């Protein structure tokens, strides 16, 4: 079912997303869709806590612009725990009460993912030089 969803998403939205190709090793843009929610996120993941905190502070400093011009419902968490227990920093928007195993949810989730990732990419590209510096 997961493969079917992501294949159909790629067919309906045949865009080359940035995702892992941010050119900043510690930052990735991600899609998540599971049994409970769908998310579009900007993840900051580094073994060096100082580097991770540095990038999170940069994103935090842009929070007002991010909320007012790109993603009004974005949530920023300095310590976001992944299912495997690893702590990362994450800025994300989330659609709750959807399930990847329920195909009736798919149209709504696909539109959510595409619209919000486009906004996340626009934000990231606009402020990439600032985030990196």
Protein backbone atom coordinates (compact mmCIF):
# COMPACT_ATOMS: atom_id res chain seq x y z
CA UNK A 1 0.00 0.00 0.00
CA UNK A 2 2.83 2.41 0.85
CA UNK A 3 4.53 1.83 -2.47
CA UNK A 4 1.20 2.20 -4.27
CA UNK A 5 0.56 5.53 -2.54
CA UNK A 6 4.00 7.01 -3.26
CA UNK A 7 3.93 5.77 -6.87
CA UNK A 8 0.53 7.33 -7.45
CA UNK A 9 1.64 10.54 -5.72
CA UNK A 10 4.63 10.75 -8.04
CA UNK A 11 2.42 10.20 -11.07
CA UNK A 12 -0.08 12.87 -10.03
CA UNK A 13 2.60 15.35 -8.96
CA UNK A 14 5.55 14.61 -11.26
CA UNK A 15 7.71 17.36 -9.86
CA UNK A 16 11.37 17.08 -8.89
CA UNK A 17 11.20 17.88 -5.17
CA UNK A 18 14.32 19.12 -3.33
CA UNK A 19 13.99 16.68 -0.39
CA UNK A 20 17.52 15.47 0.45
CA UNK A 21 19.19 17.66 -2.19
CA UNK A 22 19.29 20.84 -0.07
CA UNK A 23 23.10 21.19 -0.42
CA UNK A 24 23.22 21.50 3.39
CA UNK A 25 24.20 18.12 4.81
CA UNK A 26 22.24 18.55 8.06
CA UNK A 27 18.96 19.73 6.48
CA UNK A 28 16.43 17.68 4.54
CA UNK A 29 12.89 18.37 3.40
CA UNK A 30 10.65 15.36 3.97
CA UNK A 31 7.26 13.86 3.28
CA UNK A 32 5.81 11.57 5.96
CA UNK A 33 2.56 9.64 5.72
CA UNK A 34 1.68 6.84 8.13
CA UNK A 35 -1.34 5.40 9.95
CA UNK A 36 -1.96 8.57 11.99
CA UNK A 37 -0.86 11.66 10.04
CA UNK A 38 0.75 13.20 7.01
CA UNK A 39 3.59 15.70 7.40
CA UNK A 40 5.75 18.00 5.36
CA UNK A 41 8.87 18.87 7.29
CA UNK A 42 12.22 20.56 7.30
CA UNK A 43 14.43 18.30 9.38
CA UNK A 44 17.69 19.29 11.00
CA UNK A 45 19.75 16.26 11.90
CA UNK A 46 23.36 16.36 13.06
CA UNK A 47 25.47 14.29 15.41
CA UNK A 48 26.91 17.61 16.57
CA UNK A 49 24.39 19.25 18.93
CA UNK A 50 25.94 22.69 18.37
CA UNK A 51 25.48 22.50 14.60
CA UNK A 52 21.91 21.25 15.02
CA UNK A 53 21.13 24.09 17.45
CA UNK A 54 22.74 26.61 15.08
CA UNK A 55 20.49 25.64 12.17
CA UNK A 56 17.39 25.43 14.38
CA UNK A 57 18.04 28.95 15.69
CA UNK A 58 18.31 30.19 12.10
CA UNK A 59 14.91 28.65 11.24
CA UNK A 60 13.45 29.98 14.49
CA UNK A 61 14.64 33.49 13.67
CA UNK A 62 12.61 33.25 10.43
CA UNK A 63 9.48 31.90 12.13
CA UNK A 64 7.37 35.04 11.69
CA UNK A 65 8.10 35.21 7.96
CA UNK A 66 7.63 31.46 7.60
CA UNK A 67 4.19 31.67 9.27
CA UNK A 68 3.00 34.87 7.62
CA UNK A 69 4.17 34.22 4.06
CA UNK A 70 4.54 30.46 3.58
CA UNK A 71 3.04 28.04 6.11
CA UNK A 72 0.73 29.64 8.67
CA UNK A 73 0.29 26.43 10.69
CA UNK A 74 3.95 25.45 10.93
CA UNK A 75 5.21 23.99 14.20
CA UNK A 76 8.87 24.27 15.25
CA UNK A 77 10.24 21.74 17.70
CA UNK A 78 13.87 21.79 18.75
CA UNK A 79 13.59 18.22 20.06
CA UNK A 80 11.38 16.05 17.88
CA UNK A 81 11.58 12.33 18.59
CA UNK A 82 11.52 10.05 15.56
CA UNK A 83 9.86 6.61 15.86
CA UNK A 84 13.28 4.99 16.31
CA UNK A 85 13.98 7.26 19.30
CA UNK A 86 16.44 9.64 17.64
CA UNK A 87 16.06 13.35 18.49
CA UNK A 88 16.16 15.85 15.63
CA UNK A 89 14.92 19.40 15.19
CA UNK A 90 11.87 19.73 12.94
CA UNK A 91 9.72 22.46 11.42
CA UNK A 92 6.54 20.86 10.10
CA UNK A 93 2.93 21.08 9.08
CA UNK A 94 0.70 18.14 9.81
CA UNK A 95 -2.60 16.69 8.66
CA UNK A 96 -4.04 14.47 11.39
CA UNK A 97 -6.54 11.61 11.33
CA UNK A 98 -5.45 10.21 7.97
CA UNK A 99 -4.17 6.71 7.31
CA UNK A 100 -1.93 5.56 4.48
CA UNK A 101 -3.88 2.27 4.45
CA UNK A 102 -7.17 4.06 3.77
CA UNK A 103 -7.25 4.95 0.05
CA UNK A 104 -10.17 7.33 0.66
CA UNK A 105 -7.68 9.62 2.46
CA UNK A 106 -5.25 9.66 -0.45
CA UNK A 107 -6.64 12.54 -2.57
CA UNK A 108 -6.73 14.89 0.44
CA UNK A 109 -3.25 13.81 1.59
CA UNK A 110 -1.70 14.14 -1.88
CA UNK A 111 -3.01 17.69 -2.21
CA UNK A 112 -1.82 18.52 1.33
CA UNK A 113 1.67 17.14 0.69
CA UNK A 114 2.10 18.84 -2.69
CA UNK A 115 0.79 22.26 -1.62
CA UNK A 116 2.76 22.37 1.61
CA UNK A 117 6.02 21.02 0.19
CA UNK A 118 5.85 23.65 -2.54
CA UNK A 119 5.59 26.34 0.16
CA UNK A 120 8.37 24.71 2.22
CA UNK A 121 10.64 24.64 -0.83
CA UNK A 122 9.87 28.26 -1.71
CA UNK A 123 10.75 29.29 1.85
CA UNK A 124 13.91 27.20 1.90
CA UNK A 125 15.16 28.48 -1.45
CA UNK A 126 14.44 32.10 -0.50
CA UNK A 127 16.37 31.86 2.79
CA UNK A 128 18.93 29.12 2.06
CA UNK A 129 21.87 31.55 1.97
CA UNK A 130 20.85 33.04 5.33
CA UNK A 131 20.35 29.60 6.90
CA UNK A 132 23.71 28.42 5.63
CA UNK A 133 25.74 31.49 6.65
